[in-house]
Protein backbone atom coordinates (compact mmCIF):
# COMPACT_ATOMS: atom_id res chain seq x y z
CA MET A 1 128.80 104.54 43.71
CA PHE A 2 128.85 106.26 40.29
CA ASP A 3 126.16 106.45 37.67
CA LEU A 4 128.87 106.20 35.02
CA ILE A 5 132.62 105.65 34.93
CA ILE A 6 134.63 106.32 31.78
CA ARG A 7 137.90 104.41 32.06
CA ASP A 8 141.37 104.54 30.48
CA ALA A 9 140.66 107.70 28.47
CA THR A 10 142.86 110.40 27.04
CA LEU A 11 141.49 113.46 28.85
CA ILE A 12 141.43 116.86 27.18
CA ASP A 13 139.86 119.10 29.80
CA GLY A 14 138.99 122.14 27.66
CA SER A 15 141.46 124.54 29.25
CA GLY A 16 144.01 124.21 26.45
CA ALA A 17 146.26 122.05 28.66
CA PRO A 18 147.90 119.00 27.05
CA ALA A 19 146.05 115.68 27.02
CA ARG A 20 146.61 113.32 29.93
CA PRO A 21 145.46 109.80 30.78
CA GLY A 22 142.68 109.26 33.30
CA ASP A 23 139.18 108.19 34.25
CA VAL A 24 135.98 110.20 34.69
CA GLY A 25 133.34 109.45 37.31
CA ILE A 26 129.82 110.86 36.97
CA ALA A 27 127.01 110.91 39.54
CA GLY A 28 123.89 113.05 39.86
CA GLY A 29 124.52 114.74 36.53
CA ARG A 30 127.94 116.09 37.50
CA ILE A 31 131.56 115.02 37.30
CA THR A 32 132.44 113.71 40.77
CA ALA A 33 135.84 112.13 40.14
CA LEU A 34 138.63 112.80 37.68
CA GLY A 35 142.00 111.13 37.28
CA SER A 36 142.49 107.59 38.56
CA ILE A 37 139.39 105.87 39.93
CA ASP A 38 139.78 102.69 41.98
CA ALA A 39 139.30 99.53 39.95
CA ASP A 40 136.69 98.24 42.42
CA ALA A 41 134.57 101.43 42.37
CA GLY A 42 130.96 100.64 41.59
CA ALA A 43 129.00 102.14 38.69
CA VAL A 44 125.69 101.56 36.93
CA ARG A 45 127.63 101.62 33.67
CA THR A 46 131.29 101.63 32.73
CA ILE A 47 132.60 102.79 29.34
CA ASP A 48 135.99 101.60 28.08
CA ALA A 49 137.60 104.67 26.47
CA ARG A 50 140.94 103.24 25.48
CA ARG A 51 142.36 105.04 22.40
CA ARG A 52 139.60 107.62 22.77
CA VAL A 53 139.59 111.27 23.77
CA VAL A 54 137.19 112.38 26.49
CA CYS A 55 136.49 116.11 26.58
CA PRO A 56 133.72 118.54 27.55
CA GLY A 57 130.63 118.68 25.35
CA PHE A 58 130.97 121.17 22.51
CA ILE A 59 129.28 124.57 22.89
CA ASP A 60 128.11 125.90 19.52
CA ILE A 61 128.31 129.63 20.19
CA HIS A 62 126.61 130.72 16.97
CA THR A 63 123.48 128.89 15.79
CA HIS A 64 120.00 129.51 14.38
CA SER A 65 118.23 126.60 16.07
CA ASP A 66 115.71 128.84 17.84
CA LEU A 67 112.66 127.30 16.14
CA THR A 68 114.12 124.11 14.67
CA LEU A 69 114.37 122.78 18.25
CA ILE A 70 110.73 123.73 18.82
CA ALA A 71 109.89 121.57 15.81
CA ASP A 72 112.17 118.69 16.87
CA GLY A 73 114.01 118.78 20.19
CA THR A 74 116.37 115.94 19.29
CA GLY A 75 118.73 118.31 17.51
CA GLU A 76 120.16 115.36 15.59
CA SER A 77 122.56 117.23 13.32
CA LYS A 78 124.31 118.82 16.30
CA LEU A 79 124.02 115.91 18.73
CA ARG A 80 125.87 113.65 16.32
CA GLN A 81 128.70 116.20 16.23
CA GLY A 82 129.15 116.21 20.00
CA VAL A 83 127.37 119.50 20.58
CA THR A 84 125.75 119.62 24.00
CA THR A 85 124.78 123.33 24.07
CA GLU A 86 123.35 125.50 21.31
CA VAL A 87 123.60 129.29 21.58
CA VAL A 88 120.51 130.61 19.74
CA GLY A 89 119.25 134.08 18.88
CA ASN A 90 122.12 135.04 16.58
CA CYS A 91 122.27 137.55 13.71
CA SER A 92 119.35 139.49 15.29
CA PHE A 93 116.90 136.56 14.89
CA ALA A 94 115.65 135.57 18.36
CA ALA A 95 112.41 133.86 19.36
CA PHE A 96 111.56 136.58 21.92
CA PRO A 97 110.15 139.07 22.69
CA ILE A 98 107.05 138.51 20.61
CA GLU A 99 104.46 141.27 20.21
CA PRO A 100 101.12 139.45 19.58
CA GLU A 101 99.79 142.30 17.41
CA ARG A 102 102.71 141.73 15.02
CA LEU A 103 102.76 137.96 15.16
CA HIS A 104 102.70 137.54 11.37
CA LEU A 105 105.74 139.83 11.03
CA HIS A 106 107.61 137.89 13.70
CA ALA A 107 106.92 134.57 11.98
CA ASP A 108 107.98 135.98 8.62
CA HIS A 109 111.13 137.49 10.09
CA LEU A 110 112.22 134.30 11.91
CA ALA A 111 111.57 132.08 8.89
CA ALA A 112 114.52 133.76 7.17
CA ALA A 113 117.00 132.26 9.63
CA THR A 114 115.51 129.34 11.53
CA ALA A 115 112.19 127.60 10.68
CA PRO A 116 108.61 128.43 9.59
CA VAL A 117 107.09 128.09 13.07
CA THR A 118 104.67 130.67 14.45
CA PRO A 119 105.46 131.50 18.10
CA TRP A 120 102.78 131.03 20.77
CA TRP A 121 104.82 132.62 23.57
CA THR A 122 105.77 136.25 24.21
CA ASP A 123 108.97 136.26 26.28
CA LEU A 124 112.01 134.16 27.19
CA ASP A 125 110.18 132.38 29.99
CA GLY A 126 107.43 131.29 27.61
CA TYR A 127 109.96 130.28 24.96
CA ALA A 128 111.83 128.15 27.50
CA ASP A 129 108.56 126.47 28.51
CA ALA A 130 107.86 125.65 24.86
CA LEU A 131 111.29 124.05 24.45
CA HIS A 132 110.94 122.08 27.67
CA ASP A 133 107.48 120.90 26.63
CA GLN A 134 108.99 119.63 23.37
CA GLY A 135 111.85 117.90 25.21
CA LEU A 136 115.49 118.62 24.43
CA SER A 137 118.40 116.28 23.88
CA ILE A 138 120.83 119.20 24.14
CA ASN A 139 120.93 122.47 26.06
CA VAL A 140 119.94 125.87 24.75
CA ALA A 141 121.58 129.18 25.73
CA PRO A 142 119.46 132.05 24.35
CA LEU A 143 120.42 135.51 23.15
CA ALA A 144 117.95 138.32 22.52
CA GLY A 145 117.92 139.60 18.94
CA HIS A 146 117.96 143.20 17.72
CA GLY A 147 115.76 142.38 14.74
CA THR A 148 113.15 140.73 16.97
CA LEU A 149 113.26 143.65 19.39
CA ARG A 150 112.66 145.99 16.45
CA VAL A 151 109.73 143.94 15.09
CA ALA A 152 108.13 143.92 18.56
CA ALA A 153 108.56 147.68 19.01
CA MET A 154 107.96 149.05 15.50
CA GLY A 155 107.38 146.33 12.93
CA VAL A 156 109.62 146.07 9.87
CA ASP A 157 109.79 149.76 9.05
CA GLU A 158 112.84 151.22 7.32
CA ARG A 159 113.34 154.25 9.53
CA PRO A 160 114.95 155.34 12.78
CA ALA A 161 113.21 154.35 15.99
CA THR A 162 111.25 157.06 17.77
CA GLU A 163 112.19 157.86 21.35
CA ALA A 164 109.22 155.81 22.59
CA GLU A 165 110.19 152.85 20.38
CA MET A 166 113.77 153.07 21.57
CA ARG A 167 112.63 152.95 25.18
CA ARG A 168 110.46 149.92 24.36
CA MET A 169 113.44 148.08 22.88
CA GLU A 170 115.60 148.92 25.90
CA ARG A 171 112.90 147.72 28.31
CA ASP A 172 112.31 144.51 26.35
CA LEU A 173 116.03 143.81 26.23
CA ASP A 174 116.47 144.46 29.94
CA ARG A 175 113.57 142.12 30.71
CA ALA A 176 115.10 139.40 28.53
CA LEU A 177 118.40 139.78 30.39
CA GLU A 178 116.56 139.67 33.70
CA GLN A 179 114.95 136.38 32.59
CA GLY A 180 118.39 134.96 31.82
CA ALA A 181 119.34 135.83 28.23
CA PHE A 182 123.10 135.73 27.72
CA GLY A 183 123.19 138.89 25.62
CA MET A 184 121.93 140.33 22.35
CA SER A 185 122.85 139.90 18.71
CA THR A 186 122.57 142.18 15.71
CA GLY A 187 122.22 141.38 12.00
CA LEU A 188 123.31 144.67 10.51
CA THR A 189 123.03 143.57 6.87
CA LEU A 190 119.69 141.86 7.56
CA VAL A 191 116.21 143.38 7.66
CA PRO A 192 115.10 144.90 10.01
CA SER A 193 118.25 144.99 12.18
CA SER A 194 120.00 146.76 9.29
CA TYR A 195 117.59 149.69 9.70
CA GLY A 196 119.07 150.52 13.08
CA ASP A 197 121.89 153.08 13.04
CA PHE A 198 125.05 153.12 15.15
CA ASP A 199 123.44 155.17 17.94
CA GLU A 200 120.52 152.76 18.24
CA VAL A 201 122.86 149.78 18.51
CA ALA A 202 125.09 151.61 21.00
CA ALA A 203 122.11 152.43 23.23
CA LEU A 204 121.18 148.74 23.40
CA ALA A 205 124.81 147.77 23.92
CA ARG A 206 124.88 150.01 27.01
CA VAL A 207 121.98 147.97 28.44
CA LEU A 208 124.09 144.86 27.86
CA ALA A 209 127.21 146.41 29.37
CA ALA A 210 125.32 147.44 32.52
CA ARG A 211 124.46 143.77 33.11
CA GLY A 212 127.79 142.35 31.92
CA ALA A 213 126.08 140.57 29.03
CA LEU A 214 127.42 139.76 25.56
CA TYR A 215 127.03 141.72 22.33
CA ALA A 216 127.23 139.40 19.28
CA THR A 217 127.26 141.23 15.97
CA HIS A 218 126.67 140.11 12.44
CA SER A 219 128.37 143.24 11.19
CA ARG A 220 127.15 146.01 8.96
CA ALA A 221 128.42 146.14 5.37
CA ILE A 222 130.32 149.41 5.16
CA ALA A 223 132.40 150.71 2.26
CA PRO A 224 135.05 150.10 1.21
CA ASP A 225 135.31 146.59 2.69
CA GLU A 226 135.20 144.36 5.77
CA ARG A 227 137.79 146.44 7.63
CA ALA A 228 135.17 149.15 8.12
CA SER A 229 132.74 146.54 9.44
CA VAL A 230 135.23 145.36 12.03
CA ALA A 231 136.00 148.98 12.94
CA GLU A 232 132.32 149.67 13.71
CA ALA A 233 132.12 146.64 16.01
CA ILE A 234 135.27 147.74 17.79
CA GLU A 235 133.87 151.26 18.18
CA ILE A 236 130.72 149.87 19.82
CA GLY A 237 132.95 148.15 22.35
CA ARG A 238 135.05 151.26 22.85
CA GLN A 239 132.08 153.60 23.45
CA THR A 240 129.95 151.29 25.60
CA GLY A 241 132.35 148.93 27.37
CA VAL A 242 130.37 145.89 26.23
CA THR A 243 132.06 142.58 25.41
CA VAL A 244 131.88 142.14 21.62
CA GLU A 245 131.62 138.85 19.74
CA PHE A 246 132.18 139.45 16.03
CA SER A 247 130.07 136.84 14.25
CA HIS A 248 131.33 134.47 11.53
CA LEU A 249 134.45 136.44 10.61
CA ALA A 250 135.06 136.18 6.87
CA ILE A 251 136.30 138.08 3.82
CA ASN A 252 133.58 138.01 1.17
CA ARG A 253 135.08 140.18 -1.57
CA PRO A 254 137.26 138.14 -3.98
CA GLU A 255 139.69 141.01 -4.47
CA ARG A 256 140.30 141.01 -0.70
CA TRP A 257 140.90 137.26 -0.30
CA GLY A 258 144.16 136.52 1.50
CA HIS A 259 144.11 139.68 3.60
CA GLY A 260 142.94 137.95 6.79
CA ALA A 261 146.03 139.08 8.70
CA GLU A 262 144.89 142.71 8.36
CA LEU A 263 141.63 141.96 10.13
CA LEU A 264 143.34 139.95 12.83
CA SER A 265 145.68 142.83 13.57
CA MET A 266 142.63 145.05 14.14
CA PHE A 267 141.34 142.62 16.77
CA ASP A 268 144.75 142.43 18.42
CA GLU A 269 145.11 146.20 18.52
CA ALA A 270 141.63 146.59 20.01
CA ARG A 271 142.48 144.10 22.74
CA THR A 272 145.70 145.98 23.47
CA GLU A 273 143.59 149.10 23.91
CA GLY A 274 141.46 147.26 26.47
CA ILE A 275 138.40 146.55 24.32
CA ASP A 276 137.11 143.06 25.05
CA ILE A 277 136.43 141.57 21.60
CA PHE A 278 136.67 138.12 20.08
CA PHE A 279 135.17 136.38 17.06
CA ASP A 280 133.52 133.16 15.99
CA VAL A 281 134.27 131.30 12.77
CA TYR A 282 133.11 128.15 11.00
CA PRO A 283 135.41 125.88 8.96
CA TYR A 284 133.96 126.31 5.48
CA ASP A 285 134.59 128.70 2.60
CA ALA A 286 130.88 129.17 1.83
CA SER A 287 127.97 130.77 3.68
CA SER A 288 124.22 130.18 3.60
CA SER A 289 121.08 132.22 4.14
CA SER A 290 117.70 133.09 2.73
CA LEU A 291 117.93 134.53 -0.77
CA THR A 292 115.85 137.53 0.34
CA GLN A 293 118.74 138.63 2.57
CA TYR A 294 120.67 139.74 -0.52
CA LEU A 295 117.96 142.09 -1.81
CA PRO A 296 118.25 145.89 -1.61
CA PRO A 297 117.36 146.69 2.02
CA TRP A 298 114.37 148.90 1.19
CA LEU A 299 112.64 146.12 -0.73
CA PRO A 300 111.73 143.73 2.18
CA ALA A 301 110.63 146.59 4.46
CA GLY A 302 107.27 145.71 6.02
CA GLY A 303 107.71 141.97 5.47
CA THR A 304 107.22 139.56 2.59
CA GLU A 305 103.70 140.66 1.61
CA ALA A 306 104.83 144.30 1.48
CA MET A 307 107.73 143.24 -0.72
CA ARG A 308 105.40 141.43 -3.10
CA ALA A 309 103.17 144.48 -3.29
CA ARG A 310 106.14 146.68 -4.20
CA LEU A 311 107.32 144.30 -6.88
CA ALA A 312 103.84 144.41 -8.48
CA ILE A 313 104.49 148.11 -9.25
CA PRO A 314 106.57 148.34 -12.46
CA ALA A 315 108.56 151.39 -11.34
CA GLU A 316 109.44 149.75 -8.01
CA ARG A 317 110.42 146.53 -9.71
CA GLN A 318 112.72 148.43 -12.04
CA ARG A 319 114.21 150.28 -9.09
CA ALA A 320 114.98 146.93 -7.48
CA LEU A 321 116.62 145.64 -10.66
CA ASP A 322 118.70 148.81 -10.96
CA ASP A 323 119.84 148.60 -7.34
CA MET A 324 120.72 144.93 -7.69
CA ALA A 325 122.84 145.71 -10.74
CA GLU A 326 125.03 147.87 -8.52
CA GLY A 327 125.89 144.85 -6.33
CA TRP A 328 124.71 143.52 -2.99
CA PHE A 329 125.61 144.87 0.44
CA ASP A 330 128.53 147.29 -0.08
CA GLY A 331 128.77 146.82 -3.82
CA ILE A 332 129.94 143.19 -3.98
CA PRO A 333 129.09 142.03 -7.51
CA TRP A 334 126.51 139.32 -7.98
CA LEU A 335 128.38 136.09 -8.76
CA TRP A 336 125.57 134.03 -10.20
CA ASP A 337 127.57 130.82 -10.54
CA ARG A 338 128.41 130.98 -6.82
CA PHE A 339 124.78 131.11 -5.56
CA VAL A 340 123.46 127.53 -5.17
CA VAL A 341 119.88 126.77 -4.09
CA SER A 342 120.08 124.63 -0.97
CA SER A 343 116.45 124.39 0.19
CA CYS A 344 113.04 125.31 -1.11
CA PRO A 345 109.51 124.41 0.07
CA ASP A 346 108.66 122.59 -3.18
CA GLY A 347 112.17 121.44 -4.09
CA TYR A 348 112.66 123.90 -6.93
CA GLY A 349 116.24 124.33 -8.09
CA ILE A 350 117.94 122.31 -5.33
CA THR A 351 121.72 122.06 -6.01
CA LYS A 352 121.44 124.34 -9.07
CA THR A 353 123.21 127.68 -9.33
CA LEU A 354 121.26 130.83 -10.10
CA ASP A 355 123.30 131.00 -13.30
CA GLU A 356 122.08 127.52 -14.32
CA LEU A 357 118.47 128.32 -13.39
CA SER A 358 118.61 131.57 -15.30
CA ALA A 359 119.79 129.75 -18.42
CA SER A 360 117.26 126.92 -18.13
CA GLU A 361 114.34 129.26 -17.46
CA GLY A 362 115.42 131.82 -20.05
CA ILE A 363 115.08 134.59 -17.48
CA GLU A 364 117.73 137.22 -16.78
CA PRO A 365 119.29 136.42 -13.36
CA TYR A 366 118.29 139.65 -11.58
CA GLU A 367 114.69 139.16 -12.63
CA LEU A 368 114.83 135.47 -11.73
CA THR A 369 116.07 136.37 -8.23
CA LEU A 370 113.11 138.70 -7.74
CA GLN A 371 110.70 136.07 -8.97
CA LEU A 372 112.11 133.48 -6.55
CA CYS A 373 111.85 135.90 -3.64
CA GLU A 374 108.26 136.74 -4.65
CA ARG A 375 107.31 133.10 -4.91
CA TYR A 376 108.99 131.71 -1.79
CA GLY A 377 109.56 134.70 0.49
CA ASN A 378 112.12 133.93 3.17
CA GLU A 379 111.87 130.16 2.70
CA LEU A 380 114.26 129.68 -0.23
CA ALA A 381 117.84 129.31 1.01
CA VAL A 382 121.08 129.49 -0.93
CA VAL A 383 124.69 128.54 -0.32
CA LEU A 384 127.13 131.20 -1.49
CA PHE A 385 130.72 130.26 -2.36
CA TYR A 386 132.65 133.49 -1.91
CA ARG A 387 135.42 132.93 0.64
CA SER A 388 139.04 131.77 0.74
CA GLU A 389 140.36 128.65 2.49
CA ASP A 390 143.55 130.55 3.39
CA ASP A 391 141.54 133.11 5.36
CA VAL A 392 139.49 130.38 7.05
CA GLU A 393 142.67 128.74 8.31
CA LYS A 394 144.13 132.01 9.60
CA PHE A 395 140.94 132.83 11.48
CA LEU A 396 140.62 129.35 13.01
CA ALA A 397 144.20 129.45 14.29
CA HIS A 398 144.02 132.89 15.90
CA PRO A 399 143.88 132.93 19.74
CA LEU A 400 140.71 135.08 19.79
CA SER A 401 138.61 132.73 17.66
CA VAL A 402 135.95 130.34 18.92
CA ILE A 403 134.01 127.83 16.85
CA GLY A 404 130.41 128.44 15.84
CA SER A 405 128.54 126.59 13.07
CA ASP A 406 126.10 129.34 12.03
CA GLY A 407 123.86 126.32 11.40
CA ASN A 408 120.75 124.67 12.76
CA ALA A 409 119.99 121.63 14.91
CA ILE A 410 117.88 119.63 12.47
CA PRO A 411 117.19 116.01 11.48
CA LEU A 412 119.69 114.50 9.07
CA HIS A 413 116.95 113.71 6.58
CA GLN A 414 115.89 116.94 4.94
CA PRO A 415 113.24 116.65 2.22
CA MET A 416 113.40 119.39 -0.40
CA ALA A 417 116.83 120.47 0.79
CA CYS A 418 120.58 119.91 0.69
CA PRO A 419 121.56 122.24 3.53
CA HIS A 420 125.02 123.65 4.08
CA PRO A 421 127.24 120.88 5.59
CA ARG A 422 128.07 123.18 8.53
CA ASN A 423 124.77 121.98 10.01
CA PHE A 424 126.13 118.44 10.19
CA GLY A 425 129.91 118.56 10.39
CA THR A 426 131.42 121.75 11.84
CA PHE A 427 132.95 120.29 14.99
CA PRO A 428 134.23 116.96 13.61
CA ARG A 429 135.67 118.93 10.68
CA VAL A 430 137.68 121.16 12.98
CA LEU A 431 138.98 118.11 14.84
CA GLY A 432 139.66 115.96 11.78
CA VAL A 433 140.67 118.37 9.04
CA TYR A 434 142.19 121.37 10.82
CA ALA A 435 143.62 119.77 13.97
CA ARG A 436 144.65 116.28 12.83
CA ASP A 437 145.21 116.50 9.06
CA LYS A 438 146.27 120.09 8.35
CA GLN A 439 147.61 120.76 11.86
CA VAL A 440 146.33 124.32 11.75
CA LEU A 441 145.41 123.84 15.42
CA GLU A 442 146.72 121.73 18.26
CA LEU A 443 144.00 119.28 19.29
CA SER A 444 143.83 120.64 22.85
CA ASP A 445 143.45 124.19 21.52
CA ALA A 446 140.74 123.11 19.08
CA VAL A 447 138.83 121.60 22.01
CA ARG A 448 139.37 124.81 24.04
CA LYS A 449 137.78 126.88 21.26
CA MET A 450 134.71 124.59 21.37
CA THR A 451 134.31 124.22 25.13
CA ALA A 452 135.93 126.26 27.91
CA GLU A 453 136.36 129.46 25.94
CA PRO A 454 132.76 129.80 24.74
CA ALA A 455 131.60 128.81 28.24
CA ARG A 456 133.76 131.55 29.74
CA ARG A 457 132.50 134.12 27.28
CA LEU A 458 128.89 133.25 27.98
CA GLY A 459 129.30 133.06 31.73
CA LEU A 460 128.75 129.31 32.22
CA PRO A 461 131.17 128.53 35.07
CA ASP A 462 130.13 124.91 35.50
CA ARG A 463 130.27 123.86 31.85
CA GLY A 464 132.95 123.63 29.20
CA THR A 465 135.57 121.88 31.32
CA LEU A 466 136.33 118.47 32.73
CA ALA A 467 136.50 119.31 36.40
CA VAL A 468 135.07 117.88 39.61
CA GLY A 469 131.76 119.65 40.21
CA ALA A 470 131.19 120.56 36.57
CA VAL A 471 127.98 119.55 34.81
CA ALA A 472 128.61 116.24 33.04
CA ASP A 473 128.28 117.38 29.43
CA VAL A 474 130.90 115.10 27.88
CA VAL A 475 132.00 113.81 24.47
CA ILE A 476 134.00 110.66 23.68
CA PHE A 477 135.62 110.65 20.24
CA ASP A 478 138.24 108.79 18.25
CA PRO A 479 141.01 111.26 17.35
CA ASP A 480 142.27 108.99 14.54
CA THR A 481 138.98 108.75 12.66
CA VAL A 482 136.85 111.76 13.60
CA ILE A 483 135.76 113.58 10.47
CA ASP A 484 132.77 115.28 8.87
CA ASN A 485 131.09 113.39 6.03
CA SER A 486 128.52 115.84 4.69
CA GLU A 487 129.34 117.60 1.45
CA PHE A 488 127.88 120.52 -0.47
CA GLY A 489 125.02 119.61 -2.77
CA ARG A 490 124.43 116.21 -1.23
CA SER A 491 122.09 114.73 1.34
CA ALA A 492 123.58 114.79 4.84
CA ASP A 493 125.66 111.98 6.28
CA PRO A 494 126.51 111.74 9.99
CA PRO A 495 130.11 112.37 11.01
CA THR A 496 132.52 109.57 11.86
CA GLY A 497 134.32 109.15 15.16
CA ILE A 498 131.90 110.73 17.65
CA ASP A 499 131.24 107.66 19.81
CA VAL A 500 129.36 108.86 22.87
CA VAL A 501 127.64 112.14 23.84
CA ILE A 502 126.58 112.73 27.44
CA VAL A 503 124.28 115.61 28.46
CA GLY A 504 123.81 116.32 32.14
CA GLY A 505 125.09 112.86 32.99
CA SER A 506 122.71 111.05 30.61
CA VAL A 507 124.05 109.18 27.58
CA VAL A 508 122.06 110.60 24.69
CA LEU A 509 124.19 109.30 21.78
CA ASP A 510 125.78 105.86 22.08
CA HIS A 511 127.80 104.70 19.06
CA GLY A 512 125.32 106.10 16.56
CA VAL A 513 122.12 105.34 18.52
CA ILE A 514 120.15 108.29 19.91
CA GLY A 515 118.51 107.45 23.22
CA THR A 516 115.07 108.41 24.48
CA ASP A 517 116.21 110.60 27.38
CA ARG A 518 115.76 114.33 26.91
CA PRO A 519 118.04 115.87 29.57
CA GLY A 520 118.63 119.16 27.77
CA ARG A 521 117.57 122.41 29.45
CA VAL A 522 117.27 126.07 28.56
CA LEU A 523 120.19 127.62 30.39
CA ARG A 524 119.92 131.00 32.07
CA ARG A 525 122.67 133.54 32.59
CA GLY A 526 123.75 134.26 36.14
CA SER A 527 126.78 136.27 37.19
CA ARG A 528 128.97 138.45 34.99
CA PRO A 529 131.37 136.42 32.80
CA ALA A 530 135.07 136.76 33.47
CA ILE A 531 136.99 139.04 31.11
CA ALA A 532 140.64 138.35 30.32
């Protein structure tokens, strides 16, 4: 007797193998039969999957849903895409460890990437309890974050860590790994992770390597361009032996567009040398973040209130304007017509470029940027159009890439916001645009990059594949119609073609209807992941 039988499907098992016909039987939250199931086999429910693909649930390896799922555990924007597991804690922003004496700094720091929620827990165990109390439709696989470790140990100070502070970060990281974190991320252009030098990051990477855990890096901006950023990530892997995930690979300098092959050769050469490195990528030519993340790194030191106090001093304000005029990060010029306001607490400027707002307000754009950061702190987000579609396609097609949205699990309806469409359409877009329409990827390989490969990298042996004994996280989609429907500068629309999403054997999305079951769990890391 099965809880669920999916019949007459086209099975894509996640391994990269070609599609094949077959049935799937599910009982007790796991796949218990695969292939041809007897016509008279009993089941509580049977789903006819003719002309549909059945594959493992998608694992979004790069997200910022740490606090958005505390606010709403449905995770609608990801559930409707077929995502069954969110990997949180990326770009150095993790919801643990929390130092109670610096709670206001933690809340301020996390608001820049996830949601304005003040933590009431202190460690991964407490964070997991908070998520389970909320109730989850999808699973959560947590990373520790370098920025959060720094805030807990030393606040938001722009300086090297003392020996005692370094030991605190190492202890906190080791405890997080002991509690089941899958690794640690950095955000080396983002305050305060950016204040940590190479040696600090390497010391923490050695803690990860000792436990076989993952190092996910939002890379440092190093002159002259992104090649130096990739080189630093490779060097961390070389010196420490840690497995490196290079986050959201992209070329952000217009004069470097079209040079993706140069970066890919660096990854290939590192792998030949024996360094275990791969990268995640999302299928859009624009990014999104808090506007404050583009300020000179000294300005947000100490948090938003400290930034406001600095900007009240005329000499400091002028220093900020002078530094901004030299470009952001490693000298990339400010492209005011490419910065678009995507969310703001009071709705100011939504869908307008900074260039348009500057003209309408009659305020020079550098000064306007400072005023917006003063007014809204980390809670005003922008979309930045500064990437090339040619590079996106090259990165998606490369064997070392996996798919990560860099987005959040959030409700579709977003008042005072038109968030980046990656939040709502990353996975259907890969399937519909890049696999079916552009044929940048074979469909089975696209599914591999969303399922078995991220599961392998994380060390989730019973997820990411259609196999007897695997956890029944499953997606049923229409390969002929699947597509993303959300667009830049517009309210979100759900994707087309994702028919059914099953989490732990429970149907949580059924032809557009989200059920009441909340089978999602916070996953914990066990044994060392396999390394190819």
